[in-house]
Amino acid sequence: DNGKETHWKHKVCGTRTTITSAAKIACRNVGAHRCTSTCYDKNFMDCKWSCSQHKHTYKKAEKKYATSSLVKGCAALNDWAFSGKITMEKARLINQALRAIADQV
């Protein structure tokens, strides 16, 4: 929300997460030998998040903020794609994820 890029980390194991094209938040530790049983893929809207508005307090995604967040995500995606910061293939995958998040809302 503050305009800075961030990298999400799974609080349980400290491993960075990724988002799938189906809008699942995936711990990169899933399937690894060091992963705990609490690491599994979840729908974006079912996850708890810590953001600049409530630091160190994890809350579920709220639908009332989802639309503006999706618009900001789309704008960032366009900036990255047009500037060449990401490939068109990555842009397509992120676009699929944003559409899937919109479907969850």
PDB file of N, CA and C in Angstrom:
ATOM      1  N   ASP A   1       0.810  -1.200   0.000  1.00  0.00           N
ATOM      2  CA  ASP A   1       0.000   0.000   0.000  1.00  0.00           C
ATOM      3  C   ASP A   1       0.851   1.262   0.000  1.00  0.00           C
ATOM      4  N   ASN A   2       2.109   1.140   0.392  1.00  0.00           N
ATOM      5  CA  ASN A   2       2.982   2.308   0.434  1.00  0.00           C
ATOM      6  C   ASN A   2       3.729   2.519  -0.884  1.00  0.00           C
ATOM      7  N   GLY A   3       3.433   1.729  -1.885  1.00  0.00           N
ATOM      8  CA  GLY A   3       4.045   1.881  -3.193  1.00  0.00           C
ATOM      9  C   GLY A   3       5.363   1.156  -3.369  1.00  0.00           C
ATOM     10  N   LYS A   4       5.877   0.557  -2.322  1.00  0.00           N
ATOM     11  CA  LYS A   4       7.136  -0.168  -2.407  1.00  0.00           C
ATOM     12  C   LYS A   4       6.874  -1.635  -2.738  1.00  0.00           C
ATOM     13  N   GLU A   5       7.785  -2.195  -3.527  1.00  0.00           N
ATOM     14  CA  GLU A   5       7.712  -3.635  -3.787  1.00  0.00           C
ATOM     15  C   GLU A   5       8.100  -4.373  -2.516  1.00  0.00           C
ATOM     16  N   THR A   6       7.420  -5.453  -2.260  1.00  0.00           N
ATOM     17  CA  THR A   6       7.770  -6.266  -1.104  1.00  0.00           C
ATOM     18  C   THR A   6       7.832  -7.730  -1.515  1.00  0.00           C
ATOM     19  N   HIS A   7       8.465  -8.499  -0.693  1.00  0.00           N
ATOM     20  CA  HIS A   7       8.509  -9.944  -0.882  1.00  0.00           C
ATOM     21  C   HIS A   7       7.841 -10.555   0.333  1.00  0.00           C
ATOM     22  N   TRP A   8       6.839 -11.359   0.100  1.00  0.00           N
ATOM     23  CA  TRP A   8       6.102 -11.974   1.199  1.00  0.00           C
ATOM     24  C   TRP A   8       6.877 -13.155   1.744  1.00  0.00           C
ATOM     25  N   LYS A   9       6.824 -13.306   3.054  1.00  0.00           N
ATOM     26  CA  LYS A   9       7.434 -14.465   3.699  1.00  0.00           C
ATOM     27  C   LYS A   9       6.389 -15.194   4.511  1.00  0.00           C
ATOM     28  N   HIS A  10       6.488 -16.503   4.501  1.00  0.00           N
ATOM     29  CA  HIS A  10       5.615 -17.349   5.300  1.00  0.00           C
ATOM     30  C   HIS A  10       6.112 -17.266   6.735  1.00  0.00           C
ATOM     31  N   LYS A  11       5.284 -16.750   7.619  1.00  0.00           N
ATOM     32  CA  LYS A  11       5.706 -16.517   9.000  1.00  0.00           C
ATOM     33  C   LYS A  11       6.119 -17.813   9.700  1.00  0.00           C
ATOM     34  N   VAL A  12       5.447 -18.913   9.408  1.00  0.00           N
ATOM     35  CA  VAL A  12       5.706 -20.180  10.092  1.00  0.00           C
ATOM     36  C   VAL A  12       7.133 -20.674   9.866  1.00  0.00           C
ATOM     37  N   CYS A  13       7.604 -20.611   8.617  1.00  0.00           N
ATOM     38  CA  CYS A  13       8.917 -21.184   8.316  1.00  0.00           C
ATOM     39  C   CYS A  13       9.938 -20.156   7.842  1.00  0.00           C
ATOM     40  N   GLY A  14       9.493 -18.909   7.582  1.00  0.00           N
ATOM     41  CA  GLY A  14      10.415 -17.863   7.159  1.00  0.00           C
ATOM     42  C   GLY A  14      10.816 -17.909   5.699  1.00  0.00           C
ATOM     43  N   THR A  15      10.228 -18.823   4.931  1.00  0.00           N
ATOM     44  CA  THR A  15      10.550 -18.958   3.512  1.00  0.00           C
ATOM     45  C   THR A  15       9.681 -18.012   2.692  1.00  0.00           C
ATOM     46  N   ARG A  16      10.266 -17.443   1.630  1.00  0.00           N
ATOM     47  CA  ARG A  16       9.477 -16.570   0.765  1.00  0.00           C
ATOM     48  C   ARG A  16       8.336 -17.348   0.124  1.00  0.00           C
ATOM     49  N   THR A  17       7.284 -16.632  -0.162  1.00  0.00           N
ATOM     50  CA  THR A  17       6.134 -17.235  -0.815  1.00  0.00           C
ATOM     51  C   THR A  17       6.072 -16.767  -2.265  1.00  0.00           C
ATOM     52  N   THR A  18       5.222 -17.412  -2.998  1.00  0.00           N
ATOM     53  CA  THR A  18       4.980 -17.032  -4.378  1.00  0.00           C
ATOM     54  C   THR A  18       3.483 -17.120  -4.613  1.00  0.00           C
ATOM     55  N   ILE A  19       3.012 -16.515  -5.681  1.00  0.00           N
ATOM     56  CA  ILE A  19       1.596 -16.613  -6.015  1.00  0.00           C
ATOM     57  C   ILE A  19       1.480 -17.383  -7.315  1.00  0.00           C
ATOM     58  N   THR A  20       0.549 -18.301  -7.355  1.00  0.00           N
ATOM     59  CA  THR A  20       0.346 -19.094  -8.566  1.00  0.00           C
ATOM     60  C   THR A  20      -0.636 -18.382  -9.482  1.00  0.00           C
ATOM     61  N   SER A  21      -0.738 -18.857 -10.703  1.00  0.00           N
ATOM     62  CA  SER A  21      -1.687 -18.260 -11.645  1.00  0.00           C
ATOM     63  C   SER A  21      -3.123 -18.483 -11.209  1.00  0.00           C
ATOM     64  N   ALA A  22      -3.350 -19.419 -10.285  1.00  0.00           N
ATOM     65  CA  ALA A  22      -4.691 -19.676  -9.746  1.00  0.00           C
ATOM     66  C   ALA A  22      -4.936 -18.876  -8.457  1.00  0.00           C
ATOM     67  N   ALA A  23      -4.062 -17.909  -8.162  1.00  0.00           N
ATOM     68  CA  ALA A  23      -4.167 -17.050  -6.978  1.00  0.00           C
ATOM     69  C   ALA A  23      -4.038 -17.824  -5.675  1.00  0.00           C
ATOM     70  N   LYS A  24      -3.221 -18.841  -5.696  1.00  0.00           N
ATOM     71  CA  LYS A  24      -2.873 -19.567  -4.477  1.00  0.00           C
ATOM     72  C   LYS A  24      -1.548 -18.996  -3.982  1.00  0.00           C
ATOM     73  N   ILE A  25      -1.483 -18.726  -2.700  1.00  0.00           N
ATOM     74  CA  ILE A  25      -0.226 -18.318  -2.099  1.00  0.00           C
ATOM     75  C   ILE A  25       0.499 -19.593  -1.727  1.00  0.00           C
ATOM     76  N   ALA A  26       1.673 -19.750  -2.287  1.00  0.00           N
ATOM     77  CA  ALA A  26       2.420 -20.986  -2.123  1.00  0.00           C
ATOM     78  C   ALA A  26       3.717 -20.710  -1.384  1.00  0.00           C
ATOM     79  N   CYS A  27       3.934 -21.439  -0.319  1.00  0.00           N
ATOM     80  CA  CYS A  27       5.204 -21.376   0.400  1.00  0.00           C
ATOM     81  C   CYS A  27       6.228 -22.105  -0.450  1.00  0.00           C
ATOM     82  N   ARG A  28       7.357 -21.481  -0.694  1.00  0.00           N
ATOM     83  CA  ARG A  28       8.396 -22.123  -1.511  1.00  0.00           C
ATOM     84  C   ARG A  28       9.031 -23.305  -0.790  1.00  0.00           C
ATOM     85  N   ASN A  29       8.654 -23.501   0.455  1.00  0.00           N
ATOM     86  CA  ASN A  29       9.162 -24.622   1.237  1.00  0.00           C
ATOM     87  C   ASN A  29       8.328 -25.887   1.015  1.00  0.00           C
ATOM     88  N   VAL A  30       7.179 -25.777   0.372  1.00  0.00           N
ATOM     89  CA  VAL A  30       6.311 -26.936   0.175  1.00  0.00           C
ATOM     90  C   VAL A  30       7.064 -27.986  -0.618  1.00  0.00           C
ATOM     91  N   GLY A  31       7.063 -29.195  -0.078  1.00  0.00           N
ATOM     92  CA  GLY A  31       7.745 -30.298  -0.727  1.00  0.00           C
ATOM     93  C   GLY A  31       9.208 -30.425  -0.327  1.00  0.00           C
ATOM     94  N   ALA A  32       9.733 -29.408   0.318  1.00  0.00           N
ATOM     95  CA  ALA A  32      11.135 -29.476   0.755  1.00  0.00           C
ATOM     96  C   ALA A  32      11.240 -30.293   2.039  1.00  0.00           C
ATOM     97  N   HIS A  33      12.382 -30.867   2.268  1.00  0.00           N
ATOM     98  CA  HIS A  33      12.565 -31.721   3.445  1.00  0.00           C
ATOM     99  C   HIS A  33      12.445 -30.938   4.750  1.00  0.00           C
ATOM    100  N   ARG A  34      12.677 -29.634   4.725  1.00  0.00           N
ATOM    101  CA  ARG A  34      12.626 -28.849   5.953  1.00  0.00           C
ATOM    102  C   ARG A  34      11.258 -28.227   6.215  1.00  0.00           C
ATOM    103  N   CYS A  35      10.321 -28.484   5.347  1.00  0.00           N
ATOM    104  CA  CYS A  35       8.993 -27.890   5.468  1.00  0.00           C
ATOM    105  C   CYS A  35       8.192 -28.523   6.600  1.00  0.00           C
ATOM    106  N   THR A  36       7.438 -27.689   7.273  1.00  0.00           N
ATOM    107  CA  THR A  36       6.557 -28.200   8.319  1.00  0.00           C
ATOM    108  C   THR A  36       5.217 -28.557   7.709  1.00  0.00           C
ATOM    109  N   SER A  37       4.410 -29.249   8.461  1.00  0.00           N
ATOM    110  CA  SER A  37       3.091 -29.641   7.948  1.00  0.00           C
ATOM    111  C   SER A  37       2.159 -28.436   7.809  1.00  0.00           C
ATOM    112  N   THR A  38       2.572 -27.277   8.305  1.00  0.00           N
ATOM    113  CA  THR A  38       1.719 -26.089   8.197  1.00  0.00           C
ATOM    114  C   THR A  38       1.929 -25.346   6.888  1.00  0.00           C
ATOM    115  N   CYS A  39       2.880 -25.774   6.071  1.00  0.00           N
ATOM    116  CA  CYS A  39       3.138 -25.132   4.782  1.00  0.00           C
ATOM    117  C   CYS A  39       2.277 -25.784   3.705  1.00  0.00           C
ATOM    118  N   TYR A  40       1.344 -25.037   3.176  1.00  0.00           N
ATOM    119  CA  TYR A  40       0.517 -25.531   2.082  1.00  0.00           C
ATOM    120  C   TYR A  40      -0.048 -24.341   1.328  1.00  0.00           C
ATOM    121  N   ASP A  41      -0.512 -24.559   0.126  1.00  0.00           N
ATOM    122  CA  ASP A  41      -1.061 -23.494  -0.705  1.00  0.00           C
ATOM    123  C   ASP A  41      -2.452 -23.104  -0.221  1.00  0.00           C
ATOM    124  N   LYS A  42      -2.703 -21.791  -0.188  1.00  0.00           N
ATOM    125  CA  LYS A  42      -4.012 -21.275   0.228  1.00  0.00           C
ATOM    126  C   LYS A  42      -4.483 -20.226  -0.769  1.00  0.00           C
ATOM    127  N   ASN A  43      -5.794 -20.073  -0.882  1.00  0.00           N
ATOM    128  CA  ASN A  43      -6.339 -18.995  -1.697  1.00  0.00           C
ATOM    129  C   ASN A  43      -5.874 -17.657  -1.132  1.00  0.00           C
ATOM    130  N   PHE A  44      -5.577 -16.728  -2.016  1.00  0.00           N
ATOM    131  CA  PHE A  44      -5.106 -15.403  -1.611  1.00  0.00           C
ATOM    132  C   PHE A  44      -6.026 -14.779  -0.564  1.00  0.00           C
ATOM    133  N   MET A  45      -7.325 -14.809  -0.809  1.00  0.00           N
ATOM    134  CA  MET A  45      -8.283 -14.157   0.095  1.00  0.00           C
ATOM    135  C   MET A  45      -8.441 -14.893   1.418  1.00  0.00           C
ATOM    136  N   ASP A  46      -7.938 -16.120   1.523  1.00  0.00           N
ATOM    137  CA  ASP A  46      -8.018 -16.871   2.777  1.00  0.00           C
ATOM    138  C   ASP A  46      -6.773 -16.705   3.650  1.00  0.00           C
ATOM    139  N   CYS A  47      -5.772 -16.036   3.125  1.00  0.00           N
ATOM    140  CA  CYS A  47      -4.526 -15.841   3.876  1.00  0.00           C
ATOM    141  C   CYS A  47      -4.659 -14.667   4.843  1.00  0.00           C
ATOM    142  N   LYS A  48      -3.770 -14.631   5.808  1.00  0.00           N
ATOM    143  CA  LYS A  48      -3.679 -13.489   6.717  1.00  0.00           C
ATOM    144  C   LYS A  48      -2.439 -12.704   6.323  1.00  0.00           C
ATOM    145  N   TRP A  49      -2.552 -11.355   6.400  1.00  0.00           N
ATOM    146  CA  TRP A  49      -1.511 -10.468   5.914  1.00  0.00           C
ATOM    147  C   TRP A  49      -1.145  -9.436   6.958  1.00  0.00           C
ATOM    148  N   SER A  50       0.103  -9.027   6.940  1.00  0.00           N
ATOM    149  CA  SER A  50       0.568  -7.898   7.741  1.00  0.00           C
ATOM    150  C   SER A  50       0.903  -6.798   6.746  1.00  0.00           C
ATOM    151  N   CYS A  51       0.288  -5.643   6.885  1.00  0.00           N
ATOM    152  CA  CYS A  51       0.554  -4.561   5.943  1.00  0.00           C
ATOM    153  C   CYS A  51       0.926  -3.291   6.715  1.00  0.00           C
ATOM    154  N   SER A  52       1.170  -2.227   5.987  1.00  0.00           N
ATOM    155  CA  SER A  52       1.600  -0.981   6.618  1.00  0.00           C
ATOM    156  C   SER A  52       0.536  -0.403   7.550  1.00  0.00           C
ATOM    157  N   GLN A  53      -0.714  -0.788   7.357  1.00  0.00           N
ATOM    158  CA  GLN A  53      -1.790  -0.278   8.202  1.00  0.00           C
ATOM    159  C   GLN A  53      -1.864  -0.979   9.554  1.00  0.00           C
ATOM    160  N   HIS A  54      -1.373  -2.193   9.627  1.00  0.00           N
ATOM    161  CA  HIS A  54      -1.428  -2.944  10.896  1.00  0.00           C
ATOM    162  C   HIS A  54      -0.194  -3.832  11.022  1.00  0.00           C
ATOM    163  N   LYS A  55       0.951  -3.187  11.169  1.00  0.00           N
ATOM    164  CA  LYS A  55       2.229  -3.904  11.229  1.00  0.00           C
ATOM    165  C   LYS A  55       2.246  -4.919  12.363  1.00  0.00           C
ATOM    166  N   HIS A  56       2.804  -6.072  12.046  1.00  0.00           N
ATOM    167  CA  HIS A  56       3.001  -7.165  12.995  1.00  0.00           C
ATOM    168  C   HIS A  56       1.693  -7.767  13.516  1.00  0.00           C
ATOM    169  N   THR A  57       0.583  -7.390  12.912  1.00  0.00           N
ATOM    170  CA  THR A  57      -0.701  -8.001  13.230  1.00  0.00           C
ATOM    171  C   THR A  57      -1.219  -8.586  11.927  1.00  0.00           C
ATOM    172  N   TYR A  58      -1.432  -9.872  11.916  1.00  0.00           N
ATOM    173  CA  TYR A  58      -1.862 -10.539  10.687  1.00  0.00           C
ATOM    174  C   TYR A  58      -3.373 -10.617  10.645  1.00  0.00           C
ATOM    175  N   LYS A  59      -3.947 -10.096   9.562  1.00  0.00           N
ATOM    176  CA  LYS A  59      -5.397 -10.071   9.389  1.00  0.00           C
ATOM    177  C   LYS A  59      -5.757 -10.653   8.037  1.00  0.00           C
ATOM    178  N   LYS A  60      -6.962 -11.203   7.954  1.00  0.00           N
ATOM    179  CA  LYS A  60      -7.448 -11.735   6.672  1.00  0.00           C
ATOM    180  C   LYS A  60      -7.618 -10.594   5.678  1.00  0.00           C
ATOM    181  N   ALA A  61      -7.469 -10.939   4.420  1.00  0.00           N
ATOM    182  CA  ALA A  61      -7.703  -9.961   3.359  1.00  0.00           C
ATOM    183  C   ALA A  61      -9.161  -9.502   3.434  1.00  0.00           C
ATOM    184  N   GLU A  62      -9.371  -8.213   3.281  1.00  0.00           N
ATOM    185  CA  GLU A  62     -10.724  -7.666   3.355  1.00  0.00           C
ATOM    186  C   GLU A  62     -11.209  -7.284   1.966  1.00  0.00           C
ATOM    187  N   LYS A  63     -12.394  -7.737   1.643  1.00  0.00           N
ATOM    188  CA  LYS A  63     -12.948  -7.494   0.315  1.00  0.00           C
ATOM    189  C   LYS A  63     -13.062  -6.005   0.008  1.00  0.00           C
ATOM    190  N   LYS A  64     -13.299  -5.173   1.029  1.00  0.00           N
ATOM    191  CA  LYS A  64     -13.482  -3.743   0.773  1.00  0.00           C
ATOM    192  C   LYS A  64     -12.204  -3.082   0.248  1.00  0.00           C
ATOM    193  N   TYR A  65     -11.041  -3.695   0.489  1.00  0.00           N
ATOM    194  CA  TYR A  65      -9.782  -3.158  -0.012  1.00  0.00           C
ATOM    195  C   TYR A  65      -9.302  -3.876  -1.270  1.00  0.00           C
ATOM    196  N   ALA A  66      -9.930  -4.968  -1.609  1.00  0.00           N
ATOM    197  CA  ALA A  66      -9.448  -5.804  -2.707  1.00  0.00           C
ATOM    198  C   ALA A  66      -9.467  -5.077  -4.049  1.00  0.00           C
ATOM    199  N   THR A  67     -10.507  -4.335  -4.337  1.00  0.00           N
ATOM    200  CA  THR A  67     -10.612  -3.678  -5.642  1.00  0.00           C
ATOM    201  C   THR A  67      -9.478  -2.697  -5.864  1.00  0.00           C
ATOM    202  N   SER A  68      -9.220  -1.837  -4.879  1.00  0.00           N
ATOM    203  CA  SER A  68      -8.139  -0.868  -5.068  1.00  0.00           C
ATOM    204  C   SER A  68      -6.791  -1.569  -5.146  1.00  0.00           C
ATOM    205  N   SER A  69      -6.610  -2.627  -4.394  1.00  0.00           N
ATOM    206  CA  SER A  69      -5.355  -3.369  -4.446  1.00  0.00           C
ATOM    207  C   SER A  69      -5.167  -4.042  -5.802  1.00  0.00           C
ATOM    208  N   LEU A  70      -6.245  -4.585  -6.358  1.00  0.00           N
ATOM    209  CA  LEU A  70      -6.164  -5.209  -7.682  1.00  0.00           C
ATOM    210  C   LEU A  70      -5.839  -4.171  -8.754  1.00  0.00           C
ATOM    211  N   VAL A  71      -6.437  -2.989  -8.658  1.00  0.00           N
ATOM    212  CA  VAL A  71      -6.145  -1.927  -9.621  1.00  0.00           C
ATOM    213  C   VAL A  71      -4.673  -1.521  -9.520  1.00  0.00           C
ATOM    214  N   LYS A  72      -4.179  -1.377  -8.297  1.00  0.00           N
ATOM    215  CA  LYS A  72      -2.754  -1.039  -8.115  1.00  0.00           C
ATOM    216  C   LYS A  72      -1.862  -2.144  -8.669  1.00  0.00           C
ATOM    217  N   GLY A  73      -2.265  -3.391  -8.464  1.00  0.00           N
ATOM    218  CA  GLY A  73      -1.499  -4.507  -9.000  1.00  0.00           C
ATOM    219  C   GLY A  73      -1.466  -4.492 -10.516  1.00  0.00           C
ATOM    220  N   CYS A  74      -2.599  -4.193 -11.131  1.00  0.00           N
ATOM    221  CA  CYS A  74      -2.666  -4.113 -12.594  1.00  0.00           C
ATOM    222  C   CYS A  74      -1.786  -2.977 -13.119  1.00  0.00           C
ATOM    223  N   ALA A  75      -1.816  -1.848 -12.436  1.00  0.00           N
ATOM    224  CA  ALA A  75      -0.985  -0.711 -12.858  1.00  0.00           C
ATOM    225  C   ALA A  75       0.496  -1.063 -12.750  1.00  0.00           C
ATOM    226  N   ALA A  76       0.878  -1.699 -11.651  1.00  0.00           N
ATOM    227  CA  ALA A  76       2.279  -2.111 -11.482  1.00  0.00           C
ATOM    228  C   ALA A  76       2.675  -3.127 -12.545  1.00  0.00           C
ATOM    229  N   LEU A  77       1.785  -4.052 -12.830  1.00  0.00           N
ATOM    230  CA  LEU A  77       2.044  -5.058 -13.858  1.00  0.00           C
ATOM    231  C   LEU A  77       2.315  -4.389 -15.201  1.00  0.00           C
ATOM    232  N   ASN A  78       1.481  -3.406 -15.555  1.00  0.00           N
ATOM    233  CA  ASN A  78       1.684  -2.677 -16.810  1.00  0.00           C
ATOM    234  C   ASN A  78       3.039  -1.965 -16.822  1.00  0.00           C
ATOM    235  N   ASP A  79       3.361  -1.295 -15.714  1.00  0.00           N
ATOM    236  CA  ASP A  79       4.644  -0.602 -15.632  1.00  0.00           C
ATOM    237  C   ASP A  79       5.804  -1.567 -15.838  1.00  0.00           C
ATOM    238  N   TRP A  80       5.753  -2.703 -15.151  1.00  0.00           N
ATOM    239  CA  TRP A  80       6.840  -3.684 -15.247  1.00  0.00           C
ATOM    240  C   TRP A  80       6.951  -4.237 -16.665  1.00  0.00           C
ATOM    241  N   ALA A  81       5.807  -4.560 -17.266  1.00  0.00           N
ATOM    242  CA  ALA A  81       5.820  -5.147 -18.611  1.00  0.00           C
ATOM    243  C   ALA A  81       6.317  -4.133 -19.641  1.00  0.00           C
ATOM    244  N   PHE A  82       5.801  -2.906 -19.595  1.00  0.00           N
ATOM    245  CA  PHE A  82       6.174  -1.908 -20.592  1.00  0.00           C
ATOM    246  C   PHE A  82       7.619  -1.438 -20.442  1.00  0.00           C
ATOM    247  N   SER A  83       8.143  -1.469 -19.228  1.00  0.00           N
ATOM    248  CA  SER A  83       9.527  -1.034 -19.002  1.00  0.00           C
ATOM    249  C   SER A  83      10.524  -2.158 -19.274  1.00  0.00           C
ATOM    250  N   GLY A  84      10.021  -3.375 -19.457  1.00  0.00           N
ATOM    251  CA  GLY A  84      10.894  -4.513 -19.689  1.00  0.00           C
ATOM    252  C   GLY A  84      11.444  -5.120 -18.405  1.00  0.00           C
ATOM    253  N   LYS A  85      10.922  -4.683 -17.264  1.00  0.00           N
ATOM    254  CA  LYS A  85      11.387  -5.217 -15.975  1.00  0.00           C
ATOM    255  C   LYS A  85      11.044  -6.700 -15.839  1.00  0.00           C
ATOM    256  N   ILE A  86       9.944  -7.101 -16.442  1.00  0.00           N
ATOM    257  CA  ILE A  86       9.562  -8.511 -16.466  1.00  0.00           C
ATOM    258  C   ILE A  86       9.259  -8.910 -17.907  1.00  0.00           C
ATOM    259  N   THR A  87       9.347 -10.197 -18.165  1.00  0.00           N
ATOM    260  CA  THR A  87       9.035 -10.687 -19.506  1.00  0.00           C
ATOM    261  C   THR A  87       7.523 -10.711 -19.711  1.00  0.00           C
ATOM    262  N   MET A  88       7.119 -10.777 -20.953  1.00  0.00           N
ATOM    263  CA  MET A  88       5.687 -10.868 -21.253  1.00  0.00           C
ATOM    264  C   MET A  88       5.100 -12.158 -20.691  1.00  0.00           C
ATOM    265  N   GLU A  89       5.888 -13.225 -20.668  1.00  0.00           N
ATOM    266  CA  GLU A  89       5.409 -14.495 -20.099  1.00  0.00           C
ATOM    267  C   GLU A  89       5.104 -14.329 -18.609  1.00  0.00           C
ATOM    268  N   LYS A  90       6.007 -13.670 -17.886  1.00  0.00           N
ATOM    269  CA  LYS A  90       5.750 -13.415 -16.468  1.00  0.00           C
ATOM    270  C   LYS A  90       4.541 -12.494 -16.299  1.00  0.00           C
ATOM    271  N   ALA A  91       4.416 -11.515 -17.176  1.00  0.00           N
ATOM    272  CA  ALA A  91       3.273 -10.600 -17.117  1.00  0.00           C
ATOM    273  C   ALA A  91       1.963 -11.367 -17.307  1.00  0.00           C
ATOM    274  N   ARG A  92       1.955 -12.326 -18.218  1.00  0.00           N
ATOM    275  CA  ARG A  92       0.755 -13.142 -18.450  1.00  0.00           C
ATOM    276  C   ARG A  92       0.399 -13.951 -17.195  1.00  0.00           C
ATOM    277  N   LEU A  93       1.416 -14.534 -16.553  1.00  0.00           N
ATOM    278  CA  LEU A  93       1.171 -15.315 -15.334  1.00  0.00           C
ATOM    279  C   LEU A  93       0.635 -14.440 -14.206  1.00  0.00           C
ATOM    280  N   ILE A  94       1.219 -13.258 -14.036  1.00  0.00           N
ATOM    281  CA  ILE A  94       0.742 -12.337 -12.992  1.00  0.00           C
ATOM    282  C   ILE A  94      -0.683 -11.897 -13.306  1.00  0.00           C
ATOM    283  N   ASN A  95      -0.944 -11.651 -14.594  1.00  0.00           N
ATOM    284  CA  ASN A  95      -2.293 -11.265 -15.001  1.00  0.00           C
ATOM    285  C   ASN A  95      -3.306 -12.357 -14.662  1.00  0.00           C
ATOM    286  N   GLN A  96      -2.933 -13.606 -14.888  1.00  0.00           N
ATOM    287  CA  GLN A  96      -3.819 -14.723 -14.533  1.00  0.00           C
ATOM    288  C   GLN A  96      -4.070 -14.738 -13.022  1.00  0.00           C
ATOM    289  N   ALA A  97      -3.019 -14.507 -12.240  1.00  0.00           N
ATOM    290  CA  ALA A  97      -3.165 -14.498 -10.787  1.00  0.00           C
ATOM    291  C   ALA A  97      -4.087 -13.369 -10.336  1.00  0.00           C
ATOM    292  N   LEU A  98      -3.929 -12.186 -10.920  1.00  0.00           N
ATOM    293  CA  LEU A  98      -4.798 -11.053 -10.554  1.00  0.00           C
ATOM    294  C   LEU A  98      -6.256 -11.350 -10.904  1.00  0.00           C
ATOM    295  N   ARG A  99      -6.486 -11.970 -12.058  1.00  0.00           N
ATOM    296  CA  ARG A  99      -7.859 -12.354 -12.437  1.00  0.00           C
ATOM    297  C   ARG A  99      -8.429 -13.381 -11.444  1.00  0.00           C
ATOM    298  N   ALA A 100      -7.603 -14.326 -11.041  1.00  0.00           N
ATOM    299  CA  ALA A 100      -8.060 -15.349 -10.085  1.00  0.00           C
ATOM    300  C   ALA A 100      -8.358 -14.737  -8.715  1.00  0.00           C
ATOM    301  N   ILE A 101      -7.541 -13.761  -8.299  1.00  0.00           N
ATOM    302  CA  ILE A 101      -7.847 -13.059  -7.038  1.00  0.00           C
ATOM    303  C   ILE A 101      -9.173 -12.340  -7.155  1.00  0.00           C
ATOM    304  N   ALA A 102      -9.401 -11.680  -8.281  1.00  0.00           N
ATOM    305  CA  ALA A 102     -10.689 -10.992  -8.484  1.00  0.00           C
ATOM    306  C   ALA A 102     -11.854 -11.971  -8.397  1.00  0.00           C
ATOM    307  N   ASP A 103     -11.665 -13.173  -8.884  1.00  0.00           N
ATOM    308  CA  ASP A 103     -12.714 -14.188  -8.804  1.00  0.00           C
ATOM    309  C   ASP A 103     -12.964 -14.628  -7.358  1.00  0.00           C
ATOM    310  N   GLN A 104     -11.930 -14.573  -6.513  1.00  0.00           N
ATOM    311  CA  GLN A 104     -12.084 -14.941  -5.105  1.00  0.00           C
ATOM    312  C   GLN A 104     -12.849 -13.881  -4.314  1.00  0.00           C
ATOM    313  N   VAL A 105     -12.763 -12.636  -4.783  1.00  0.00           N
ATOM    314  CA  VAL A 105     -13.449 -11.544  -4.105  1.00  0.00           C
ATOM    315  C   VAL A 105     -14.901 -11.654  -4.413  1.00  0.00           C
TER     316      VAL A 105
END
